[in-house]
Amino acid sequence: MEECGHALFNTAIGVCGIAWGPHGVMAVQLPEADAPGTRLRLLKGLPCMAEAAPPAALQAAIEGVQAVLEGRSRSDLREITLDMARLTPFQRQVYDCVRSIPPGQTRTYSEVAQALGDPGLARAVGQAMGHNPFAPVVPCHRVLAAGNKPGGFSASGGARTKLRMLMIEGALDRGLFD
């Protein structure tokens, strides 16, 4: 990937955005209230990036996200290369761990912390999830609060959006939130 840029694209849950650079995807943004809001949040903290037609690898990533958000695919989107250079080592560890949660399954913040080797990091895992610049490629919607409660979700619509995404994946079919 040699170009830099960003694009907005339609999904079953609204207009999402993707930004890329020479080392991979720099950000993915779930829908905000409107397309300008999605673009603004997508580009927050990134260098100025012009809107551009996505190169082939990015178009494939967009199509993968669209398919997952429509429930047409059970892909884990791990084929999408993420540029995590601007993140802390801890965030990279958390996001790598969360990417391993299969579609239709969930973990709690505590379970992710245990997988990282320190159960005391549950709160820090939650903070990392709140700053996730790659949703849904890093599927923070699959990480729940204690007692399998939805917990927070920084995307527009909050926990309702999180639950909708879990429903699309079939995680709610297992009676998680009865």
Protein backbone atom coordinates (compact mmCIF):
# COMPACT_ATOMS: atom_id res chain seq x y z
CA MET A 1 0.00 0.00 0.00
CA GLU A 2 1.70 3.17 -1.12
CA GLU A 3 -1.08 5.73 -1.05
CA CYS A 4 -2.66 7.59 1.82
CA GLY A 5 -6.29 8.53 1.92
CA HIS A 6 -9.72 7.91 3.32
CA ALA A 7 -13.13 6.85 2.06
CA LEU A 8 -16.64 6.57 3.41
CA PHE A 9 -18.77 3.56 2.52
CA ASN A 10 -22.30 2.30 3.14
CA THR A 11 -23.03 -0.64 5.42
CA ALA A 12 -26.14 -2.25 6.88
CA ILE A 13 -25.71 -0.16 10.05
CA GLY A 14 -24.88 3.16 8.35
CA VAL A 15 -22.02 5.03 6.71
CA CYS A 16 -18.61 3.81 7.91
CA GLY A 17 -15.16 5.16 7.11
CA ILE A 18 -11.67 3.83 6.49
CA ALA A 19 -8.31 5.63 6.40
CA TRP A 20 -5.11 4.10 5.10
CA GLY A 21 -1.42 4.81 4.74
CA PRO A 22 1.62 3.06 3.30
CA HIS A 23 1.72 0.49 6.14
CA GLY A 24 -1.96 -0.50 6.23
CA VAL A 25 -5.28 0.64 7.60
CA MET A 26 -4.81 3.50 10.06
CA ALA A 27 -8.44 3.74 11.21
CA VAL A 28 -11.90 2.31 10.65
CA GLN A 29 -14.91 4.20 11.91
CA LEU A 30 -18.38 2.92 12.70
CA PRO A 31 -21.28 5.23 11.75
CA GLU A 32 -21.87 8.51 13.51
CA ALA A 33 -25.13 10.48 13.25
CA ASP A 34 -24.23 11.60 9.72
CA ALA A 35 -21.49 11.14 7.12
CA PRO A 36 -19.62 14.36 8.03
CA GLY A 37 -19.56 13.21 11.67
CA THR A 38 -18.21 9.82 10.62
CA ARG A 39 -15.47 11.49 8.56
CA LEU A 40 -14.57 13.89 11.40
CA ARG A 41 -14.23 11.07 13.94
CA LEU A 42 -12.35 8.83 11.45
CA LEU A 43 -9.71 11.45 10.77
CA LYS A 44 -9.28 12.68 14.36
CA GLY A 45 -5.60 12.47 15.26
CA LEU A 46 -4.52 11.42 11.76
CA PRO A 47 -2.43 13.48 9.38
CA CYS A 48 -4.44 15.33 6.77
CA MET A 49 -5.71 12.68 4.39
CA ALA A 50 -7.62 13.44 1.22
CA GLU A 51 -10.70 11.48 0.26
CA ALA A 52 -9.67 9.01 -2.43
CA ALA A 53 -10.79 5.93 -4.27
CA PRO A 54 -9.49 3.00 -2.24
CA PRO A 55 -6.80 0.82 -3.84
CA ALA A 56 -7.75 -2.81 -4.50
CA ALA A 57 -6.56 -4.12 -1.10
CA LEU A 58 -8.60 -1.46 0.67
CA GLN A 59 -11.65 -2.12 -1.50
CA ALA A 60 -11.44 -5.78 -0.43
CA ALA A 61 -11.27 -4.65 3.21
CA ILE A 62 -14.34 -2.44 2.73
CA GLU A 63 -16.25 -5.31 1.13
CA GLY A 64 -15.26 -7.56 4.03
CA VAL A 65 -16.54 -5.06 6.61
CA GLN A 66 -19.77 -4.62 4.63
CA ALA A 67 -20.32 -8.38 4.47
CA VAL A 68 -19.70 -8.83 8.20
CA LEU A 69 -22.04 -5.95 9.14
CA GLU A 70 -24.75 -7.39 6.90
CA GLY A 71 -24.39 -10.87 8.41
CA ARG A 72 -23.32 -12.33 5.03
CA SER A 73 -19.90 -13.34 6.32
CA ARG A 74 -18.43 -14.86 9.47
CA SER A 75 -14.98 -13.51 8.59
CA ASP A 76 -12.79 -12.36 11.47
CA LEU A 77 -11.28 -9.69 9.13
CA ARG A 78 -7.77 -10.70 10.23
CA GLU A 79 -6.60 -10.47 6.62
CA ILE A 80 -6.81 -6.68 6.91
CA THR A 81 -3.38 -5.20 7.68
CA LEU A 82 -3.55 -2.60 10.43
CA ASP A 83 -0.98 0.14 10.92
CA MET A 84 -0.67 0.28 14.73
CA ALA A 85 2.48 2.42 14.82
CA ARG A 86 0.74 5.33 16.61
CA LEU A 87 -0.59 3.09 19.40
CA THR A 88 0.99 2.09 22.69
CA PRO A 89 2.47 -1.40 23.06
CA PHE A 90 -0.35 -2.25 25.50
CA GLN A 91 -3.04 -1.19 23.01
CA ARG A 92 -1.39 -3.31 20.31
CA GLN A 93 -1.40 -6.32 22.65
CA VAL A 94 -5.06 -5.81 23.56
CA TYR A 95 -6.15 -5.34 19.94
CA ASP A 96 -4.21 -8.41 18.79
CA CYS A 97 -5.90 -10.44 21.54
CA VAL A 98 -9.37 -9.11 20.73
CA ARG A 99 -8.90 -9.84 17.01
CA SER A 100 -8.65 -13.52 17.97
CA ILE A 101 -12.23 -13.59 19.33
CA PRO A 102 -14.26 -15.42 16.66
CA PRO A 103 -17.44 -13.91 15.25
CA GLY A 104 -20.47 -14.91 17.31
CA GLN A 105 -18.42 -15.27 20.48
CA THR A 106 -17.66 -12.84 23.28
CA ARG A 107 -15.18 -12.33 26.11
CA THR A 108 -15.30 -10.09 29.15
CA TYR A 109 -12.76 -7.37 29.86
CA SER A 110 -11.48 -9.62 32.65
CA GLU A 111 -11.07 -12.59 30.30
CA VAL A 112 -9.07 -10.46 27.87
CA ALA A 113 -6.91 -9.23 30.77
CA GLN A 114 -6.34 -12.86 31.87
CA ALA A 115 -5.38 -13.80 28.30
CA LEU A 116 -2.80 -11.00 28.46
CA GLY A 117 -1.41 -12.50 31.67
CA ASP A 118 -2.71 -10.05 34.29
CA PRO A 119 -6.32 -10.20 35.52
CA GLY A 120 -5.80 -6.81 37.19
CA LEU A 121 -5.72 -5.14 33.77
CA ALA A 122 -9.48 -5.45 33.12
CA ARG A 123 -10.08 -1.70 33.54
CA ALA A 124 -7.14 -0.88 31.25
CA VAL A 125 -8.53 -3.30 28.67
CA GLY A 126 -11.84 -1.41 28.84
CA GLN A 127 -10.03 1.88 28.28
CA ALA A 128 -8.18 0.43 25.29
CA MET A 129 -11.51 -0.77 23.86
CA GLY A 130 -12.93 2.75 24.29
CA HIS A 131 -10.06 4.14 22.18
CA ASN A 132 -10.14 1.43 19.50
CA PRO A 133 -9.49 3.15 16.16
CA PHE A 134 -10.28 0.02 14.14
CA ALA A 135 -13.86 -1.04 14.97
CA PRO A 136 -15.16 -3.48 13.74
CA VAL A 137 -11.87 -4.89 12.37
CA VAL A 138 -10.74 -5.00 15.99
CA PRO A 139 -14.08 -6.31 17.27
CA CYS A 140 -14.42 -4.40 20.53
CA HIS A 141 -18.16 -5.11 20.38
CA ARG A 142 -17.29 -8.71 21.34
CA VAL A 143 -15.83 -7.58 24.67
CA LEU A 144 -18.36 -7.36 27.49
CA ALA A 145 -18.44 -6.11 31.05
CA ALA A 146 -18.56 -8.43 34.08
CA GLY A 147 -21.57 -10.73 34.18
CA ASN A 148 -21.79 -10.60 30.37
CA LYS A 149 -23.39 -7.15 30.55
CA PRO A 150 -22.97 -5.07 27.40
CA GLY A 151 -20.95 -2.36 29.14
CA GLY A 152 -20.07 0.79 27.26
CA PHE A 153 -19.50 1.31 23.57
CA SER A 154 -18.01 4.47 22.12
CA ALA A 155 -19.72 4.21 18.72
CA SER A 156 -22.81 6.25 18.00
CA GLY A 157 -25.79 4.54 19.60
CA GLY A 158 -23.64 3.18 22.43
CA ALA A 159 -24.58 -0.22 23.83
CA ARG A 160 -27.54 -0.49 21.41
CA THR A 161 -25.12 -0.49 18.48
CA LYS A 162 -22.93 -3.06 20.27
CA LEU A 163 -25.94 -5.33 20.81
CA ARG A 164 -27.06 -4.88 17.19
CA MET A 165 -23.63 -5.94 15.95
CA LEU A 166 -23.65 -8.97 18.25
CA MET A 167 -27.13 -9.86 16.99
CA ILE A 168 -25.95 -9.67 13.36
CA GLU A 169 -23.11 -12.09 14.25
CA GLY A 170 -25.43 -14.49 16.05
CA ALA A 171 -23.93 -13.98 19.51
CA LEU A 172 -27.32 -13.05 20.95
CA ASP A 173 -28.87 -16.25 19.63
CA ARG A 174 -26.98 -18.05 22.39
CA GLY A 175 -29.07 -16.27 25.02
CA LEU A 176 -26.27 -14.02 26.26
CA PHE A 177 -28.51 -11.17 27.36
CA ASP A 178 -31.75 -12.90 28.38
